[in-house]
């Protein structure tokens, strides 16, 4: 499908070379890839699946796209206001599941879990974990946790746990120490 759009004020990378006010025919699929991100929503939602959301969407919008929360959902400590990233997996825990994942991750039982700790595995998701959750990993202090967050914010989500070596200060030895405790 194609449509006509004015390219004035739009990135030349999207429209290519043009003269002010010139119209170009653009491929809708290309525009959708630039403006949308895909997220996998599962767990205690009505219709688990992969959904395309507007770039900058929030976790709450991803849950709404999946039909909303199921009756057994437990969103205590679940940050529905955080922004989603392309390729992100959002797991909505059921009642009881979230507390089990906190215990498995070694976080204080009274603390709240967020998207950074996977409910199914207890692993710290390096693409969604907060600084506090990253600091539960061996050898990761406040400064290194912030460096990890800065790297994923600046250069996008980590495709694999090995991509964590993109962060200055994380080499093969440090990665080997935490590899069994993290996921993407």
N, C-alpha and C. Protein backbone atom coordinates (compact mmCIF):
# COMPACT_ATOMS: atom_id res chain seq x y z
N UNK A 1 0.85 -1.17 0.00
CA UNK A 1 0.00 0.00 0.00
C UNK A 1 0.89 1.23 0.00
N UNK A 2 0.54 2.24 -0.75
CA UNK A 2 1.31 3.47 -0.81
C UNK A 2 0.38 4.65 -0.68
N UNK A 3 0.91 5.77 -0.20
CA UNK A 3 0.12 6.98 -0.13
C UNK A 3 1.05 8.16 -0.32
N UNK A 4 0.47 9.33 -0.51
CA UNK A 4 1.24 10.54 -0.75
C UNK A 4 1.33 11.33 0.54
N UNK A 5 2.51 11.87 0.80
CA UNK A 5 2.71 12.65 2.01
C UNK A 5 3.70 13.77 1.70
N UNK A 6 3.55 14.87 2.40
CA UNK A 6 4.51 15.96 2.25
C UNK A 6 5.72 15.64 3.10
N UNK A 7 6.90 15.83 2.54
CA UNK A 7 8.12 15.49 3.25
C UNK A 7 8.76 16.68 3.95
N UNK A 8 8.15 17.86 3.88
CA UNK A 8 8.78 19.01 4.52
C UNK A 8 8.84 18.78 6.02
N UNK A 9 10.02 18.96 6.57
CA UNK A 9 10.22 18.77 7.99
C UNK A 9 10.46 17.34 8.41
N UNK A 10 10.48 16.40 7.47
CA UNK A 10 10.70 15.00 7.78
C UNK A 10 12.13 14.64 7.46
N UNK A 11 12.69 13.72 8.19
CA UNK A 11 14.07 13.29 7.99
C UNK A 11 14.33 12.92 6.54
N UNK A 12 15.43 13.41 5.93
CA UNK A 12 15.77 13.02 4.57
C UNK A 12 15.99 11.52 4.44
N UNK A 13 16.36 10.84 5.54
CA UNK A 13 16.54 9.40 5.48
C UNK A 13 15.23 8.68 5.22
N UNK A 14 14.12 9.28 5.65
CA UNK A 14 12.82 8.67 5.45
C UNK A 14 12.29 8.99 4.06
N UNK A 15 12.47 10.22 3.60
CA UNK A 15 11.89 10.64 2.33
C UNK A 15 12.90 10.70 1.19
N UNK A 16 14.17 10.74 1.51
CA UNK A 16 15.17 10.87 0.45
C UNK A 16 15.31 12.33 0.05
N UNK A 17 16.16 12.62 -0.96
CA UNK A 17 16.36 14.00 -1.39
C UNK A 17 15.05 14.56 -1.95
N UNK A 18 14.75 15.79 -1.61
CA UNK A 18 13.53 16.40 -2.11
C UNK A 18 13.66 17.91 -2.06
N UNK A 19 12.79 18.57 -2.78
CA UNK A 19 12.72 20.03 -2.74
C UNK A 19 11.61 20.42 -1.79
N UNK A 20 11.72 21.58 -1.18
CA UNK A 20 10.72 22.04 -0.23
C UNK A 20 9.32 21.93 -0.83
N UNK A 21 8.42 21.31 -0.11
CA UNK A 21 7.04 21.18 -0.55
C UNK A 21 6.80 20.06 -1.54
N UNK A 22 7.83 19.40 -1.99
CA UNK A 22 7.66 18.31 -2.96
C UNK A 22 6.98 17.12 -2.29
N UNK A 23 6.17 16.43 -3.04
CA UNK A 23 5.48 15.25 -2.53
C UNK A 23 6.17 14.00 -3.02
N UNK A 24 6.20 12.98 -2.19
CA UNK A 24 6.77 11.70 -2.57
C UNK A 24 5.80 10.60 -2.21
N UNK A 25 5.87 9.51 -2.94
CA UNK A 25 5.08 8.34 -2.62
C UNK A 25 5.93 7.47 -1.70
N UNK A 26 5.38 7.13 -0.54
CA UNK A 26 6.11 6.33 0.43
C UNK A 26 5.39 5.01 0.66
N UNK A 27 6.13 4.03 0.99
CA UNK A 27 5.58 2.71 1.29
C UNK A 27 5.06 2.72 2.73
N UNK A 28 3.80 2.40 2.93
CA UNK A 28 3.20 2.41 4.25
C UNK A 28 3.90 1.42 5.18
N UNK A 29 4.34 0.29 4.66
CA UNK A 29 5.05 -0.68 5.51
C UNK A 29 6.31 -0.07 6.10
N UNK A 30 7.05 0.71 5.31
CA UNK A 30 8.26 1.37 5.79
C UNK A 30 7.92 2.34 6.91
N UNK A 31 6.89 3.13 6.71
CA UNK A 31 6.50 4.11 7.72
C UNK A 31 6.08 3.40 9.00
N UNK A 32 5.33 2.32 8.88
CA UNK A 32 4.89 1.60 10.07
C UNK A 32 6.07 1.02 10.83
N UNK A 33 7.09 0.54 10.13
CA UNK A 33 8.27 0.00 10.79
C UNK A 33 8.99 1.08 11.58
N UNK A 34 8.99 2.30 11.06
CA UNK A 34 9.67 3.40 11.72
C UNK A 34 8.86 3.89 12.92
N UNK A 35 7.54 3.90 12.80
CA UNK A 35 6.69 4.50 13.82
C UNK A 35 6.14 3.51 14.85
N UNK A 36 6.27 2.21 14.60
CA UNK A 36 5.70 1.22 15.50
C UNK A 36 6.77 0.31 16.08
N UNK A 37 6.47 -0.26 17.23
CA UNK A 37 7.36 -1.26 17.81
C UNK A 37 6.52 -2.50 18.14
N UNK A 38 7.15 -3.65 18.10
CA UNK A 38 6.46 -4.90 18.39
C UNK A 38 6.78 -5.36 19.80
N UNK A 39 5.75 -5.74 20.55
CA UNK A 39 5.94 -6.26 21.91
C UNK A 39 5.16 -7.56 22.07
N UNK A 40 5.72 -8.47 22.85
CA UNK A 40 5.10 -9.76 23.14
C UNK A 40 4.50 -9.67 24.54
N UNK A 41 3.18 -9.75 24.62
CA UNK A 41 2.50 -9.64 25.90
C UNK A 41 1.94 -11.01 26.27
N UNK A 42 2.31 -11.51 27.45
CA UNK A 42 1.77 -12.80 27.87
C UNK A 42 1.50 -12.80 29.37
N UNK A 43 1.10 -13.95 29.88
CA UNK A 43 0.78 -14.05 31.30
C UNK A 43 -0.70 -13.79 31.52
N UNK A 44 -1.01 -13.05 32.56
CA UNK A 44 -2.39 -12.83 32.98
C UNK A 44 -3.06 -11.69 32.21
N UNK A 45 -3.19 -11.89 30.88
CA UNK A 45 -3.93 -10.97 30.03
C UNK A 45 -4.99 -11.77 29.27
N UNK A 46 -5.98 -11.08 28.73
CA UNK A 46 -7.09 -11.75 28.05
C UNK A 46 -6.64 -12.44 26.77
N UNK A 47 -5.83 -11.76 25.95
CA UNK A 47 -5.40 -12.32 24.66
C UNK A 47 -3.89 -12.18 24.48
N UNK A 48 -3.09 -13.09 25.05
CA UNK A 48 -1.63 -13.01 24.89
C UNK A 48 -1.25 -13.02 23.41
N UNK A 49 -0.19 -12.32 23.07
CA UNK A 49 0.28 -12.32 21.69
C UNK A 49 1.26 -11.20 21.43
N UNK A 50 1.64 -11.07 20.16
CA UNK A 50 2.56 -10.01 19.73
C UNK A 50 1.72 -8.87 19.17
N UNK A 51 1.99 -7.67 19.65
CA UNK A 51 1.22 -6.49 19.25
C UNK A 51 2.14 -5.39 18.75
N UNK A 52 1.67 -4.63 17.76
CA UNK A 52 2.40 -3.48 17.23
C UNK A 52 1.81 -2.24 17.90
N UNK A 53 2.67 -1.47 18.54
CA UNK A 53 2.24 -0.27 19.25
C UNK A 53 3.01 0.93 18.72
N UNK A 54 2.43 2.08 18.90
CA UNK A 54 3.07 3.33 18.52
C UNK A 54 4.37 3.49 19.33
N UNK A 55 5.43 3.93 18.68
CA UNK A 55 6.69 4.16 19.36
C UNK A 55 6.45 5.11 20.54
N UNK A 56 6.97 4.78 21.70
CA UNK A 56 6.77 5.58 22.90
C UNK A 56 5.58 5.14 23.73
N UNK A 57 4.92 4.06 23.31
CA UNK A 57 3.75 3.56 24.05
C UNK A 57 4.17 3.08 25.44
N UNK A 58 3.22 2.97 26.30
CA UNK A 58 3.45 2.54 27.68
C UNK A 58 3.01 1.08 27.86
N UNK A 59 3.49 0.44 28.90
CA UNK A 59 3.13 -0.94 29.20
C UNK A 59 1.60 -1.07 29.32
N UNK A 60 0.94 -0.08 29.92
CA UNK A 60 -0.52 -0.13 30.06
C UNK A 60 -1.20 -0.25 28.69
N UNK A 61 -0.65 0.43 27.67
CA UNK A 61 -1.23 0.35 26.33
C UNK A 61 -1.01 -1.04 25.73
N UNK A 62 0.12 -1.65 26.03
CA UNK A 62 0.38 -3.01 25.54
C UNK A 62 -0.60 -4.00 26.18
N UNK A 63 -0.87 -3.81 27.47
CA UNK A 63 -1.83 -4.67 28.17
C UNK A 63 -3.23 -4.46 27.59
N UNK A 64 -3.60 -3.22 27.32
CA UNK A 64 -4.90 -2.93 26.70
C UNK A 64 -5.01 -3.59 25.33
N UNK A 65 -3.92 -3.56 24.55
CA UNK A 65 -3.92 -4.19 23.22
C UNK A 65 -4.15 -5.69 23.34
N UNK A 66 -3.70 -6.27 24.45
CA UNK A 66 -3.87 -7.70 24.69
C UNK A 66 -5.21 -8.01 25.36
N UNK A 67 -6.14 -7.08 25.30
CA UNK A 67 -7.48 -7.31 25.82
C UNK A 67 -7.66 -6.95 27.28
N UNK A 68 -6.62 -6.42 27.90
CA UNK A 68 -6.71 -6.03 29.30
C UNK A 68 -6.23 -7.14 30.23
N UNK A 69 -6.29 -6.84 31.51
CA UNK A 69 -5.83 -7.78 32.53
C UNK A 69 -6.85 -8.90 32.74
N UNK A 70 -6.35 -10.10 32.94
CA UNK A 70 -7.19 -11.23 33.31
C UNK A 70 -7.52 -11.09 34.79
N UNK A 71 -8.61 -11.72 35.25
CA UNK A 71 -9.00 -11.59 36.67
C UNK A 71 -7.91 -12.03 37.64
N UNK A 72 -7.07 -12.98 37.25
CA UNK A 72 -6.04 -13.49 38.16
C UNK A 72 -4.74 -12.67 38.13
N UNK A 73 -4.73 -11.54 37.40
CA UNK A 73 -3.53 -10.71 37.29
C UNK A 73 -3.16 -10.08 38.62
N UNK A 74 -1.86 -10.00 38.88
CA UNK A 74 -1.35 -9.33 40.07
C UNK A 74 -0.39 -8.24 39.61
N UNK A 75 -0.84 -7.00 39.64
CA UNK A 75 -0.01 -5.89 39.16
C UNK A 75 0.61 -5.10 40.31
N UNK A 76 0.60 -5.68 41.50
CA UNK A 76 1.25 -5.04 42.64
C UNK A 76 2.73 -4.85 42.31
N UNK A 77 3.18 -3.64 42.31
CA UNK A 77 4.58 -3.37 42.01
C UNK A 77 4.93 -3.43 40.53
N UNK A 78 3.95 -3.65 39.69
CA UNK A 78 4.15 -3.77 38.25
C UNK A 78 4.05 -2.37 37.66
N UNK A 79 5.08 -1.89 36.98
CA UNK A 79 5.11 -0.52 36.47
C UNK A 79 4.43 -0.43 35.11
N UNK A 80 3.16 -0.09 35.10
CA UNK A 80 2.40 0.02 33.85
C UNK A 80 2.67 1.33 33.13
N UNK A 81 3.39 2.24 33.76
CA UNK A 81 3.67 3.53 33.14
C UNK A 81 4.99 3.55 32.36
N UNK A 82 5.79 2.48 32.46
CA UNK A 82 7.08 2.49 31.76
C UNK A 82 6.87 2.34 30.26
N UNK A 83 7.80 2.90 29.49
CA UNK A 83 7.72 2.84 28.03
C UNK A 83 8.17 1.46 27.54
N UNK A 84 7.53 1.00 26.47
CA UNK A 84 7.92 -0.27 25.87
C UNK A 84 9.00 -0.03 24.83
N UNK A 85 9.78 -1.07 24.55
CA UNK A 85 10.80 -1.00 23.51
C UNK A 85 10.53 -2.10 22.49
N UNK A 86 10.98 -1.87 21.28
CA UNK A 86 10.77 -2.84 20.21
C UNK A 86 11.39 -4.18 20.61
N UNK A 87 10.61 -5.24 20.46
CA UNK A 87 11.09 -6.57 20.78
C UNK A 87 10.94 -6.97 22.24
N UNK A 88 10.37 -6.11 23.05
CA UNK A 88 10.24 -6.38 24.48
C UNK A 88 9.19 -7.45 24.76
N UNK A 89 9.44 -8.26 25.77
CA UNK A 89 8.47 -9.22 26.26
C UNK A 89 7.91 -8.68 27.58
N UNK A 90 6.61 -8.61 27.66
CA UNK A 90 5.94 -8.13 28.87
C UNK A 90 5.16 -9.30 29.45
N UNK A 91 5.56 -9.73 30.63
CA UNK A 91 4.88 -10.83 31.30
C UNK A 91 4.10 -10.27 32.48
N UNK A 92 2.78 -10.43 32.44
CA UNK A 92 1.93 -9.98 33.54
C UNK A 92 1.74 -11.18 34.47
N UNK A 93 2.24 -11.08 35.70
CA UNK A 93 2.17 -12.22 36.61
C UNK A 93 0.76 -12.45 37.16
N UNK A 94 0.53 -13.68 37.59
CA UNK A 94 -0.73 -14.02 38.27
C UNK A 94 -0.52 -13.86 39.77
N UNK A 95 -1.60 -13.85 40.52
CA UNK A 95 -1.52 -13.75 41.97
C UNK A 95 -0.65 -14.90 42.47
N UNK A 96 0.35 -14.60 43.29
CA UNK A 96 1.25 -15.61 43.82
C UNK A 96 2.51 -15.78 43.00
N UNK A 97 2.41 -15.63 41.70
CA UNK A 97 3.57 -15.81 40.82
C UNK A 97 4.62 -14.73 41.06
N UNK A 98 4.20 -13.50 41.23
CA UNK A 98 5.13 -12.40 41.40
C UNK A 98 5.95 -12.55 42.67
N UNK A 99 5.33 -12.90 43.77
CA UNK A 99 6.08 -13.07 45.01
C UNK A 99 7.08 -14.22 44.89
N UNK A 100 6.74 -15.28 44.17
CA UNK A 100 7.67 -16.39 43.96
C UNK A 100 8.88 -15.91 43.17
N UNK A 101 8.66 -15.06 42.15
CA UNK A 101 9.79 -14.60 41.34
C UNK A 101 10.70 -13.68 42.13
N UNK A 102 10.13 -12.92 43.07
CA UNK A 102 10.95 -12.05 43.91
C UNK A 102 11.86 -12.91 44.78
N UNK A 103 11.32 -13.95 45.38
CA UNK A 103 12.11 -14.83 46.24
C UNK A 103 13.20 -15.52 45.43
N UNK A 104 12.88 -15.98 44.21
CA UNK A 104 13.87 -16.65 43.37
C UNK A 104 15.01 -15.71 42.99
N UNK A 105 14.67 -14.42 42.80
CA UNK A 105 15.68 -13.45 42.37
C UNK A 105 16.54 -12.97 43.52
N UNK A 106 16.16 -13.31 44.76
CA UNK A 106 16.96 -12.90 45.91
C UNK A 106 16.67 -11.49 46.35
N UNK A 107 15.53 -10.93 45.95
CA UNK A 107 15.15 -9.59 46.35
C UNK A 107 14.34 -9.70 47.63
N UNK A 108 14.44 -8.72 48.51
CA UNK A 108 13.69 -8.71 49.76
C UNK A 108 12.22 -8.99 49.49
N UNK A 109 11.63 -9.93 50.21
CA UNK A 109 10.25 -10.35 50.00
C UNK A 109 9.24 -9.23 50.13
N UNK A 110 9.58 -8.14 50.82
CA UNK A 110 8.65 -7.03 50.96
C UNK A 110 8.77 -6.04 49.83
N UNK A 111 9.75 -6.19 48.98
CA UNK A 111 9.97 -5.23 47.89
C UNK A 111 9.02 -5.52 46.75
N UNK A 112 8.87 -4.53 45.89
CA UNK A 112 8.03 -4.70 44.71
C UNK A 112 8.87 -5.16 43.54
N UNK A 113 8.29 -6.01 42.71
CA UNK A 113 8.97 -6.42 41.48
C UNK A 113 8.45 -5.57 40.36
N UNK A 114 9.25 -5.36 39.34
CA UNK A 114 8.79 -4.67 38.15
C UNK A 114 9.10 -5.54 36.97
N UNK A 115 9.11 -4.98 35.79
CA UNK A 115 9.32 -5.77 34.59
C UNK A 115 10.71 -6.38 34.50
N UNK A 116 11.65 -5.94 35.31
CA UNK A 116 13.02 -6.41 35.19
C UNK A 116 13.27 -7.82 35.67
N UNK A 117 12.39 -8.38 36.47
CA UNK A 117 12.56 -9.74 36.95
C UNK A 117 11.50 -10.60 36.30
N UNK A 118 11.93 -11.59 35.54
CA UNK A 118 10.99 -12.45 34.83
C UNK A 118 10.24 -13.32 35.82
N UNK A 119 8.92 -13.27 35.75
CA UNK A 119 8.09 -14.05 36.68
C UNK A 119 8.29 -15.54 36.50
N UNK A 120 8.55 -16.01 35.31
CA UNK A 120 8.65 -17.44 35.06
C UNK A 120 10.00 -18.01 35.49
N UNK A 121 11.06 -17.23 35.39
CA UNK A 121 12.39 -17.78 35.62
C UNK A 121 13.15 -17.17 36.79
N UNK A 122 12.75 -16.00 37.25
CA UNK A 122 13.49 -15.33 38.31
C UNK A 122 14.75 -14.66 37.81
N UNK A 123 14.99 -14.67 36.49
CA UNK A 123 16.16 -14.03 35.90
C UNK A 123 15.94 -12.54 35.77
N UNK A 124 17.01 -11.77 35.83
CA UNK A 124 16.93 -10.33 35.65
C UNK A 124 17.00 -10.04 34.15
N UNK A 125 15.96 -9.39 33.63
CA UNK A 125 15.92 -9.03 32.22
C UNK A 125 16.71 -7.74 32.03
N UNK A 126 17.84 -7.84 31.34
CA UNK A 126 18.73 -6.69 31.20
C UNK A 126 18.13 -5.60 30.30
N UNK A 127 17.06 -5.91 29.58
CA UNK A 127 16.41 -4.90 28.74
C UNK A 127 15.34 -4.10 29.48
N UNK A 128 14.89 -4.59 30.62
CA UNK A 128 13.80 -3.92 31.33
C UNK A 128 14.08 -3.66 32.80
N UNK A 129 15.16 -4.20 33.32
CA UNK A 129 15.43 -4.10 34.76
C UNK A 129 15.75 -2.67 35.18
N UNK A 130 15.31 -2.35 36.39
CA UNK A 130 15.65 -1.06 36.99
C UNK A 130 17.09 -1.14 37.51
N UNK A 131 17.62 0.00 37.92
CA UNK A 131 18.97 0.03 38.48
C UNK A 131 19.04 -0.85 39.73
N UNK A 132 18.00 -0.80 40.56
CA UNK A 132 17.98 -1.62 41.78
C UNK A 132 18.01 -3.10 41.45
N UNK A 133 17.26 -3.51 40.43
CA UNK A 133 17.23 -4.92 40.04
C UNK A 133 18.57 -5.35 39.46
N UNK A 134 19.20 -4.49 38.67
CA UNK A 134 20.52 -4.81 38.11
C UNK A 134 21.56 -4.97 39.23
N UNK A 135 21.41 -4.19 40.29
CA UNK A 135 22.36 -4.25 41.40
C UNK A 135 22.25 -5.53 42.22
N UNK A 136 21.23 -6.33 41.97
CA UNK A 136 21.14 -7.63 42.66
C UNK A 136 22.11 -8.62 42.04
N UNK A 137 22.68 -8.27 40.90
CA UNK A 137 23.64 -9.15 40.21
C UNK A 137 25.03 -8.99 40.79
N UNK A 138 25.77 -10.07 40.88
CA UNK A 138 27.13 -10.07 41.43
C UNK A 138 28.04 -9.11 40.64
N UNK A 139 28.65 -8.19 41.36
CA UNK A 139 29.62 -7.27 40.75
C UNK A 139 29.00 -6.07 40.05
N UNK A 140 27.68 -5.89 40.14
CA UNK A 140 27.02 -4.75 39.51
C UNK A 140 26.59 -3.78 40.61
N UNK A 141 27.27 -2.64 40.65
CA UNK A 141 26.93 -1.61 41.62
C UNK A 141 26.11 -0.51 40.96
N UNK A 142 25.85 0.58 41.67
CA UNK A 142 25.03 1.66 41.14
C UNK A 142 25.56 2.25 39.84
N UNK A 143 26.86 2.47 39.75
CA UNK A 143 27.46 3.06 38.56
C UNK A 143 27.33 2.14 37.35
N UNK A 144 27.64 0.85 37.53
CA UNK A 144 27.55 -0.11 36.43
C UNK A 144 26.09 -0.32 36.02
N UNK A 145 25.18 -0.34 36.97
CA UNK A 145 23.76 -0.48 36.65
C UNK A 145 23.31 0.69 35.77
N UNK A 146 23.74 1.89 36.13
CA UNK A 146 23.37 3.06 35.33
C UNK A 146 24.00 2.99 33.94
N UNK A 147 25.22 2.47 33.85
CA UNK A 147 25.88 2.32 32.53
C UNK A 147 25.10 1.35 31.64
N UNK A 148 24.57 0.28 32.23
CA UNK A 148 23.78 -0.68 31.48
C UNK A 148 22.50 -0.01 30.97
N UNK A 149 21.83 0.73 31.83
CA UNK A 149 20.60 1.43 31.44
C UNK A 149 20.91 2.47 30.36
N UNK A 150 21.99 3.21 30.52
CA UNK A 150 22.37 4.22 29.53
C UNK A 150 22.66 3.58 28.17
N UNK A 151 23.34 2.44 28.16
CA UNK A 151 23.67 1.75 26.91
C UNK A 151 22.41 1.29 26.18
N UNK A 152 21.48 0.69 26.89
CA UNK A 152 20.26 0.20 26.22
C UNK A 152 19.37 1.35 25.79
N UNK A 153 19.41 2.46 26.52
CA UNK A 153 18.62 3.63 26.13
C UNK A 153 19.21 4.27 24.88
N UNK A 154 20.53 4.38 24.83
CA UNK A 154 21.20 5.04 23.71
C UNK A 154 21.23 4.17 22.45
N UNK A 155 21.50 2.88 22.60
CA UNK A 155 21.74 2.02 21.43
C UNK A 155 20.69 0.92 21.23
N UNK A 156 19.64 0.93 22.01
CA UNK A 156 18.57 -0.05 21.83
C UNK A 156 18.77 -1.28 22.68
N UNK A 157 17.75 -2.11 22.66
CA UNK A 157 17.71 -3.31 23.49
C UNK A 157 18.85 -4.26 23.16
N UNK A 158 19.25 -5.02 24.16
CA UNK A 158 20.26 -6.05 23.97
C UNK A 158 19.58 -7.24 23.28
N UNK A 159 20.17 -7.74 22.21
CA UNK A 159 19.59 -8.87 21.48
C UNK A 159 19.90 -10.20 22.17
N UNK A 160 21.00 -10.25 22.91
CA UNK A 160 21.38 -11.45 23.64
C UNK A 160 22.12 -11.02 24.91
N UNK A 161 22.29 -11.95 25.83
CA UNK A 161 23.01 -11.61 27.06
C UNK A 161 24.46 -11.25 26.75
N UNK A 162 25.02 -11.81 25.69
CA UNK A 162 26.40 -11.49 25.31
C UNK A 162 26.56 -10.03 24.89
N UNK A 163 25.48 -9.41 24.43
CA UNK A 163 25.52 -8.00 24.05
C UNK A 163 25.82 -7.09 25.24
N UNK A 164 25.71 -7.62 26.45
CA UNK A 164 26.01 -6.82 27.63
C UNK A 164 27.47 -6.35 27.61
N UNK A 165 28.30 -7.04 26.84
CA UNK A 165 29.72 -6.63 26.74
C UNK A 165 29.87 -5.32 25.96
N UNK A 166 28.78 -4.78 25.39
CA UNK A 166 28.80 -3.44 24.78
C UNK A 166 29.05 -2.38 25.84
N UNK A 167 28.73 -2.71 27.10
CA UNK A 167 28.86 -1.76 28.20
C UNK A 167 30.31 -1.72 28.66
N UNK A 168 30.85 -0.51 28.70
CA UNK A 168 32.23 -0.34 29.16
C UNK A 168 32.34 -0.85 30.60
N UNK A 169 33.33 -1.70 30.85
CA UNK A 169 33.52 -2.26 32.19
C UNK A 169 32.97 -3.67 32.34
N UNK A 170 32.24 -4.15 31.33
CA UNK A 170 31.77 -5.53 31.38
C UNK A 170 32.51 -6.32 30.31
N UNK A 171 33.35 -7.21 30.78
CA UNK A 171 34.11 -8.06 29.89
C UNK A 171 33.67 -9.51 30.05
N UNK A 172 34.44 -10.40 29.50
CA UNK A 172 34.08 -11.82 29.53
C UNK A 172 33.98 -12.36 30.95
N UNK A 173 34.89 -11.96 31.84
CA UNK A 173 34.88 -12.48 33.21
C UNK A 173 33.65 -12.03 33.98
N UNK A 174 33.34 -10.73 33.90
CA UNK A 174 32.17 -10.23 34.62
C UNK A 174 30.89 -10.83 34.04
N UNK A 175 30.83 -10.95 32.72
CA UNK A 175 29.65 -11.54 32.09
C UNK A 175 29.48 -12.99 32.52
N UNK A 176 30.58 -13.73 32.59
CA UNK A 176 30.51 -15.14 33.00
C UNK A 176 29.94 -15.28 34.41
N UNK A 177 30.23 -14.31 35.31
CA UNK A 177 29.73 -14.34 36.68
C UNK A 177 28.21 -14.19 36.75
N UNK A 178 27.64 -13.41 35.83
CA UNK A 178 26.21 -13.09 35.93
C UNK A 178 25.37 -13.72 34.84
N UNK A 179 25.98 -14.38 33.88
CA UNK A 179 25.28 -14.89 32.71
C UNK A 179 24.10 -15.80 33.07
N UNK A 180 24.24 -16.61 34.11
CA UNK A 180 23.18 -17.54 34.50
C UNK A 180 22.04 -16.86 35.26
N UNK A 181 22.20 -15.57 35.55
CA UNK A 181 21.20 -14.84 36.32
C UNK A 181 20.44 -13.81 35.49
N UNK A 182 20.78 -13.70 34.19
CA UNK A 182 20.17 -12.66 33.35
C UNK A 182 19.51 -13.25 32.11
N UNK A 183 18.63 -12.46 31.51
CA UNK A 183 17.98 -12.84 30.27
C UNK A 183 17.65 -11.57 29.48
N UNK A 184 17.23 -11.75 28.24
CA UNK A 184 16.75 -10.63 27.41
C UNK A 184 15.31 -10.87 27.03
